[in-house]
Amino acid sequence: MVKNDKWFQHEGLDRTHTILVMLDQLLGYPDPENPEDRLHPSIWNAECENLLREATGNLAELYQKIGEWEE
């Protein structure tokens, strides 16, 4: 098994950020305080919105956890 190092940490942060940006650009992000949501039409009900919000939140949490790693 390959051990983590500064390179892998940077790569993990970059890849997680890239996925978050792609989610936002391709599906949007449900914001209950913003009636001008840029949600993709496939996000058509509250259940879909919650799943997208949860996915985005989990990826954001993963980004933070990767960033906590210290050599």
PDB file of N, CA and C in Angstrom:
ATOM      1  N   MET A   1       0.840  -1.181   0.000  1.00  0.00           N
ATOM      2  CA  MET A   1       0.000   0.000   0.000  1.00  0.00           C
ATOM      3  C   MET A   1       0.886   1.246   0.000  1.00  0.00           C
ATOM      4  N   VAL A   2       0.533   2.194  -0.829  1.00  0.00           N
ATOM      5  CA  VAL A   2       1.287   3.440  -0.927  1.00  0.00           C
ATOM      6  C   VAL A   2       0.911   4.334   0.252  1.00  0.00           C
ATOM      7  N   LYS A   3       1.917   4.948   0.881  1.00  0.00           N
ATOM      8  CA  LYS A   3       1.662   5.829   2.024  1.00  0.00           C
ATOM      9  C   LYS A   3       1.405   7.261   1.553  1.00  0.00           C
ATOM     10  N   ASN A   4       0.598   7.954   2.332  1.00  0.00           N
ATOM     11  CA  ASN A   4       0.296   9.351   2.034  1.00  0.00           C
ATOM     12  C   ASN A   4       1.552  10.201   2.201  1.00  0.00           C
ATOM     13  N   ASP A   5       1.650  11.236   1.398  1.00  0.00           N
ATOM     14  CA  ASP A   5       2.706  12.229   1.544  1.00  0.00           C
ATOM     15  C   ASP A   5       2.137  13.565   1.073  1.00  0.00           C
ATOM     16  N   LYS A   6       2.970  14.599   1.057  1.00  0.00           N
ATOM     17  CA  LYS A   6       2.494  15.933   0.667  1.00  0.00           C
ATOM     18  C   LYS A   6       1.898  15.932  -0.729  1.00  0.00           C
ATOM     19  N   TRP A   7       2.496  15.170  -1.648  1.00  0.00           N
ATOM     20  CA  TRP A   7       1.989  15.117  -3.018  1.00  0.00           C
ATOM     21  C   TRP A   7       0.580  14.532  -3.051  1.00  0.00           C
ATOM     22  N   PHE A   8       0.395  13.380  -2.400  1.00  0.00           N
ATOM     23  CA  PHE A   8      -0.922  12.745  -2.410  1.00  0.00           C
ATOM     24  C   PHE A   8      -1.962  13.616  -1.706  1.00  0.00           C
ATOM     25  N   GLN A   9      -1.549  14.304  -0.641  1.00  0.00           N
ATOM     26  CA  GLN A   9      -2.481  15.195   0.039  1.00  0.00           C
ATOM     27  C   GLN A   9      -2.920  16.307  -0.914  1.00  0.00           C
ATOM     28  N   HIS A  10      -1.972  16.926  -1.580  1.00  0.00           N
ATOM     29  CA  HIS A  10      -2.293  17.988  -2.539  1.00  0.00           C
ATOM     30  C   HIS A  10      -3.194  17.451  -3.649  1.00  0.00           C
ATOM     31  N   GLU A  11      -2.862  16.272  -4.164  1.00  0.00           N
ATOM     32  CA  GLU A  11      -3.648  15.667  -5.233  1.00  0.00           C
ATOM     33  C   GLU A  11      -5.079  15.369  -4.759  1.00  0.00           C
ATOM     34  N   GLY A  12      -5.231  14.851  -3.544  1.00  0.00           N
ATOM     35  CA  GLY A  12      -6.555  14.573  -2.995  1.00  0.00           C
ATOM     36  C   GLY A  12      -7.386  15.835  -2.824  1.00  0.00           C
ATOM     37  N   LEU A  13      -6.745  16.891  -2.335  1.00  0.00           N
ATOM     38  CA  LEU A  13      -7.432  18.172  -2.200  1.00  0.00           C
ATOM     39  C   LEU A  13      -7.869  18.699  -3.562  1.00  0.00           C
ATOM     40  N   ASP A  14      -6.978  18.632  -4.532  1.00  0.00           N
ATOM     41  CA  ASP A  14      -7.291  19.115  -5.867  1.00  0.00           C
ATOM     42  C   ASP A  14      -8.435  18.320  -6.494  1.00  0.00           C
ATOM     43  N   ARG A  15      -8.397  17.015  -6.384  1.00  0.00           N
ATOM     44  CA  ARG A  15      -9.446  16.177  -6.989  1.00  0.00           C
ATOM     45  C   ARG A  15     -10.790  16.390  -6.304  1.00  0.00           C
ATOM     46  N   THR A  16     -10.780  16.532  -4.985  1.00  0.00           N
ATOM     47  CA  THR A  16     -12.028  16.775  -4.266  1.00  0.00           C
ATOM     48  C   THR A  16     -12.607  18.126  -4.662  1.00  0.00           C
ATOM     49  N   HIS A  17     -11.753  19.137  -4.745  1.00  0.00           N
ATOM     50  CA  HIS A  17     -12.198  20.463  -5.162  1.00  0.00           C
ATOM     51  C   HIS A  17     -12.771  20.412  -6.575  1.00  0.00           C
ATOM     52  N   THR A  18     -12.113  19.703  -7.462  1.00  0.00           N
ATOM     53  CA  THR A  18     -12.576  19.591  -8.843  1.00  0.00           C
ATOM     54  C   THR A  18     -13.974  18.974  -8.905  1.00  0.00           C
ATOM     55  N   ILE A  19     -14.205  17.928  -8.120  1.00  0.00           N
ATOM     56  CA  ILE A  19     -15.522  17.283  -8.099  1.00  0.00           C
ATOM     57  C   ILE A  19     -16.576  18.238  -7.548  1.00  0.00           C
ATOM     58  N   LEU A  20     -16.233  18.994  -6.510  1.00  0.00           N
ATOM     59  CA  LEU A  20     -17.175  19.965  -5.955  1.00  0.00           C
ATOM     60  C   LEU A  20     -17.535  21.034  -6.991  1.00  0.00           C
ATOM     61  N   VAL A  21     -16.553  21.524  -7.715  1.00  0.00           N
ATOM     62  CA  VAL A  21     -16.808  22.525  -8.752  1.00  0.00           C
ATOM     63  C   VAL A  21     -17.685  21.930  -9.850  1.00  0.00           C
ATOM     64  N   MET A  22     -17.382  20.690 -10.245  1.00  0.00           N
ATOM     65  CA  MET A  22     -18.189  20.041 -11.283  1.00  0.00           C
ATOM     66  C   MET A  22     -19.633  19.860 -10.830  1.00  0.00           C
ATOM     67  N   LEU A  23     -19.839  19.421  -9.590  1.00  0.00           N
ATOM     68  CA  LEU A  23     -21.201  19.275  -9.076  1.00  0.00           C
ATOM     69  C   LEU A  23     -21.946  20.599  -9.143  1.00  0.00           C
ATOM     70  N   ASP A  24     -21.300  21.661  -8.701  1.00  0.00           N
ATOM     71  CA  ASP A  24     -21.929  22.974  -8.698  1.00  0.00           C
ATOM     72  C   ASP A  24     -22.243  23.432 -10.122  1.00  0.00           C
ATOM     73  N   GLN A  25     -21.301  23.271 -11.032  1.00  0.00           N
ATOM     74  CA  GLN A  25     -21.497  23.740 -12.401  1.00  0.00           C
ATOM     75  C   GLN A  25     -22.502  22.892 -13.176  1.00  0.00           C
ATOM     76  N   LEU A  26     -22.518  21.588 -12.918  1.00  0.00           N
ATOM     77  CA  LEU A  26     -23.357  20.704 -13.717  1.00  0.00           C
ATOM     78  C   LEU A  26     -24.736  20.439 -13.117  1.00  0.00           C
ATOM     79  N   LEU A  27     -24.849  20.448 -11.781  1.00  0.00           N
ATOM     80  CA  LEU A  27     -26.146  20.192 -11.143  1.00  0.00           C
ATOM     81  C   LEU A  27     -26.641  21.367 -10.306  1.00  0.00           C
ATOM     82  N   GLY A  28     -25.752  22.259  -9.942  1.00  0.00           N
ATOM     83  CA  GLY A  28     -26.123  23.392  -9.109  1.00  0.00           C
ATOM     84  C   GLY A  28     -26.030  23.037  -7.640  1.00  0.00           C
ATOM     85  N   TYR A  29     -26.504  23.951  -6.811  1.00  0.00           N
ATOM     86  CA  TYR A  29     -26.541  23.708  -5.366  1.00  0.00           C
ATOM     87  C   TYR A  29     -27.826  24.305  -4.818  1.00  0.00           C
ATOM     88  N   PRO A  30     -28.642  23.473  -4.158  1.00  0.00           N
ATOM     89  CA  PRO A  30     -29.907  23.989  -3.632  1.00  0.00           C
ATOM     90  C   PRO A  30     -29.688  24.934  -2.454  1.00  0.00           C
ATOM     91  N   ASP A  31     -30.168  26.144  -2.592  1.00  0.00           N
ATOM     92  CA  ASP A  31     -30.054  27.141  -1.535  1.00  0.00           C
ATOM     93  C   ASP A  31     -31.452  27.644  -1.205  1.00  0.00           C
ATOM     94  N   PRO A  32     -32.019  27.194  -0.079  1.00  0.00           N
ATOM     95  CA  PRO A  32     -33.395  27.571   0.247  1.00  0.00           C
ATOM     96  C   PRO A  32     -33.600  29.079   0.406  1.00  0.00           C
ATOM     97  N   GLU A  33     -32.526  29.822   0.641  1.00  0.00           N
ATOM     98  CA  GLU A  33     -32.648  31.272   0.808  1.00  0.00           C
ATOM     99  C   GLU A  33     -32.514  32.015  -0.519  1.00  0.00           C
ATOM    100  N   ASN A  34     -32.256  31.292  -1.601  1.00  0.00           N
ATOM    101  CA  ASN A  34     -32.065  31.928  -2.904  1.00  0.00           C
ATOM    102  C   ASN A  34     -33.081  31.373  -3.900  1.00  0.00           C
ATOM    103  N   PRO A  35     -34.105  32.136  -4.211  1.00  0.00           N
ATOM    104  CA  PRO A  35     -35.115  31.648  -5.147  1.00  0.00           C
ATOM    105  C   PRO A  35     -34.581  31.501  -6.573  1.00  0.00           C
ATOM    106  N   GLU A  36     -33.416  32.052  -6.831  1.00  0.00           N
ATOM    107  CA  GLU A  36     -32.806  31.986  -8.160  1.00  0.00           C
ATOM    108  C   GLU A  36     -31.849  30.796  -8.281  1.00  0.00           C
ATOM    109  N   ASP A  37     -32.153  29.687  -7.602  1.00  0.00           N
ATOM    110  CA  ASP A  37     -31.308  28.497  -7.680  1.00  0.00           C
ATOM    111  C   ASP A  37     -30.972  28.161  -9.129  1.00  0.00           C
ATOM    112  N   ARG A  38     -29.745  27.749  -9.335  1.00  0.00           N
ATOM    113  CA  ARG A  38     -29.316  27.317 -10.660  1.00  0.00           C
ATOM    114  C   ARG A  38     -29.341  25.800 -10.730  1.00  0.00           C
ATOM    115  N   LEU A  39     -30.389  25.181 -10.269  1.00  0.00           N
ATOM    116  CA  LEU A  39     -30.448  23.727 -10.238  1.00  0.00           C
ATOM    117  C   LEU A  39     -30.765  23.158 -11.614  1.00  0.00           C
ATOM    118  N   HIS A  40     -30.118  22.054 -11.919  1.00  0.00           N
ATOM    119  CA  HIS A  40     -30.427  21.318 -13.139  1.00  0.00           C
ATOM    120  C   HIS A  40     -31.863  20.824 -13.042  1.00  0.00           C
ATOM    121  N   PRO A  41     -32.601  20.803 -14.145  1.00  0.00           N
ATOM    122  CA  PRO A  41     -33.999  20.362 -14.095  1.00  0.00           C
ATOM    123  C   PRO A  41     -34.192  18.947 -13.533  1.00  0.00           C
ATOM    124  N   SER A  42     -33.158  18.113 -13.566  1.00  0.00           N
ATOM    125  CA  SER A  42     -33.287  16.755 -13.017  1.00  0.00           C
ATOM    126  C   SER A  42     -33.402  16.763 -11.500  1.00  0.00           C
ATOM    127  N   ILE A  43     -33.008  17.864 -10.875  1.00  0.00           N
ATOM    128  CA  ILE A  43     -33.155  18.011  -9.416  1.00  0.00           C
ATOM    129  C   ILE A  43     -34.542  18.616  -9.205  1.00  0.00           C
ATOM    130  N   TRP A  44     -35.542  17.768  -9.300  1.00  0.00           N
ATOM    131  CA  TRP A  44     -36.927  18.228  -9.446  1.00  0.00           C
ATOM    132  C   TRP A  44     -37.758  18.210  -8.175  1.00  0.00           C
ATOM    133  N   ASN A  45     -37.238  17.649  -7.078  1.00  0.00           N
ATOM    134  CA  ASN A  45     -38.034  17.651  -5.853  1.00  0.00           C
ATOM    135  C   ASN A  45     -37.126  17.771  -4.632  1.00  0.00           C
ATOM    136  N   ALA A  46     -37.751  17.842  -3.468  1.00  0.00           N
ATOM    137  CA  ALA A  46     -36.996  18.036  -2.226  1.00  0.00           C
ATOM    138  C   ALA A  46     -36.041  16.880  -1.950  1.00  0.00           C
ATOM    139  N   GLU A  47     -36.447  15.660  -2.290  1.00  0.00           N
ATOM    140  CA  GLU A  47     -35.566  14.507  -2.059  1.00  0.00           C
ATOM    141  C   GLU A  47     -34.292  14.624  -2.894  1.00  0.00           C
ATOM    142  N   CYS A  48     -34.442  15.020  -4.152  1.00  0.00           N
ATOM    143  CA  CYS A  48     -33.266  15.215  -5.010  1.00  0.00           C
ATOM    144  C   CYS A  48     -32.383  16.339  -4.459  1.00  0.00           C
ATOM    145  N   GLU A  49     -33.014  17.425  -4.047  1.00  0.00           N
ATOM    146  CA  GLU A  49     -32.253  18.540  -3.476  1.00  0.00           C
ATOM    147  C   GLU A  49     -31.484  18.104  -2.239  1.00  0.00           C
ATOM    148  N   ASN A  50     -32.122  17.343  -1.381  1.00  0.00           N
ATOM    149  CA  ASN A  50     -31.454  16.876  -0.161  1.00  0.00           C
ATOM    150  C   ASN A  50     -30.281  15.965  -0.487  1.00  0.00           C
ATOM    151  N   LEU A  51     -30.442  15.088  -1.464  1.00  0.00           N
ATOM    152  CA  LEU A  51     -29.347  14.189  -1.836  1.00  0.00           C
ATOM    153  C   LEU A  51     -28.171  14.974  -2.412  1.00  0.00           C
ATOM    154  N   LEU A  52     -28.464  15.974  -3.236  1.00  0.00           N
ATOM    155  CA  LEU A  52     -27.395  16.808  -3.798  1.00  0.00           C
ATOM    156  C   LEU A  52     -26.705  17.591  -2.689  1.00  0.00           C
ATOM    157  N   ARG A  53     -27.482  18.150  -1.770  1.00  0.00           N
ATOM    158  CA  ARG A  53     -26.913  18.907  -0.654  1.00  0.00           C
ATOM    159  C   ARG A  53     -26.039  17.997   0.210  1.00  0.00           C
ATOM    160  N   GLU A  54     -26.506  16.768   0.453  1.00  0.00           N
ATOM    161  CA  GLU A  54     -25.749  15.807   1.257  1.00  0.00           C
ATOM    162  C   GLU A  54     -24.450  15.405   0.551  1.00  0.00           C
ATOM    163  N   ALA A  55     -24.531  15.150  -0.743  1.00  0.00           N
ATOM    164  CA  ALA A  55     -23.332  14.779  -1.502  1.00  0.00           C
ATOM    165  C   ALA A  55     -22.305  15.905  -1.460  1.00  0.00           C
ATOM    166  N   THR A  56     -22.762  17.120  -1.671  1.00  0.00           N
ATOM    167  CA  THR A  56     -21.857  18.267  -1.640  1.00  0.00           C
ATOM    168  C   THR A  56     -21.263  18.452  -0.249  1.00  0.00           C
ATOM    169  N   GLY A  57     -22.097  18.313   0.774  1.00  0.00           N
ATOM    170  CA  GLY A  57     -21.614  18.442   2.150  1.00  0.00           C
ATOM    171  C   GLY A  57     -20.589  17.380   2.503  1.00  0.00           C
ATOM    172  N   ASN A  58     -20.846  16.140   2.075  1.00  0.00           N
ATOM    173  CA  ASN A  58     -19.897  15.057   2.356  1.00  0.00           C
ATOM    174  C   ASN A  58     -18.574  15.280   1.647  1.00  0.00           C
ATOM    175  N   LEU A  59     -18.608  15.742   0.397  1.00  0.00           N
ATOM    176  CA  LEU A  59     -17.358  16.023  -0.308  1.00  0.00           C
ATOM    177  C   LEU A  59     -16.609  17.186   0.330  1.00  0.00           C
ATOM    178  N   ALA A  60     -17.344  18.204   0.781  1.00  0.00           N
ATOM    179  CA  ALA A  60     -16.697  19.334   1.460  1.00  0.00           C
ATOM    180  C   ALA A  60     -16.047  18.869   2.766  1.00  0.00           C
ATOM    181  N   GLU A  61     -16.718  17.968   3.473  1.00  0.00           N
ATOM    182  CA  GLU A  61     -16.143  17.423   4.706  1.00  0.00           C
ATOM    183  C   GLU A  61     -14.905  16.577   4.398  1.00  0.00           C
ATOM    184  N   LEU A  62     -14.962  15.798   3.331  1.00  0.00           N
ATOM    185  CA  LEU A  62     -13.796  15.013   2.910  1.00  0.00           C
ATOM    186  C   LEU A  62     -12.626  15.934   2.607  1.00  0.00           C
ATOM    187  N   TYR A  63     -12.885  17.027   1.890  1.00  0.00           N
ATOM    188  CA  TYR A  63     -11.834  18.003   1.572  1.00  0.00           C
ATOM    189  C   TYR A  63     -11.170  18.492   2.862  1.00  0.00           C
ATOM    190  N   GLN A  64     -11.994  18.830   3.868  1.00  0.00           N
ATOM    191  CA  GLN A  64     -11.444  19.307   5.149  1.00  0.00           C
ATOM    192  C   GLN A  64     -10.608  18.233   5.834  1.00  0.00           C
ATOM    193  N   LYS A  65     -11.084  17.001   5.824  1.00  0.00           N
ATOM    194  CA  LYS A  65     -10.358  15.901   6.478  1.00  0.00           C
ATOM    195  C   LYS A  65      -9.022  15.628   5.779  1.00  0.00           C
ATOM    196  N   ILE A  66      -9.030  15.664   4.461  1.00  0.00           N
ATOM    197  CA  ILE A  66      -7.768  15.478   3.736  1.00  0.00           C
ATOM    198  C   ILE A  66      -6.803  16.580   4.121  1.00  0.00           C
ATOM    199  N   GLY A  67      -7.309  17.803   4.246  1.00  0.00           N
ATOM    200  CA  GLY A  67      -6.469  18.946   4.593  1.00  0.00           C
ATOM    201  C   GLY A  67      -5.901  18.900   6.003  1.00  0.00           C
ATOM    202  N   GLU A  68      -6.497  18.086   6.877  1.00  0.00           N
ATOM    203  CA  GLU A  68      -6.010  17.975   8.250  1.00  0.00           C
ATOM    204  C   GLU A  68      -4.762  17.104   8.377  1.00  0.00           C
ATOM    205  N   TRP A  69      -4.467  16.311   7.363  1.00  0.00           N
ATOM    206  CA  TRP A  69      -3.326  15.389   7.438  1.00  0.00           C
ATOM    207  C   TRP A  69      -2.033  16.156   7.629  1.00  0.00           C
ATOM    208  N   GLU A  70      -1.212  15.651   8.522  1.00  0.00           N
ATOM    209  CA  GLU A  70       0.121  16.228   8.751  1.00  0.00           C
ATOM    210  C   GLU A  70       1.143  15.118   8.666  1.00  0.00           C
ATOM    211  N   GLU A  71       2.282  15.461   8.116  1.00  0.00           N
ATOM    212  CA  GLU A  71       3.375  14.491   7.982  1.00  0.00           C
ATOM    213  C   GLU A  71       3.928  14.091   9.318  1.00  0.00           C
TER     214      GLU A  71
END
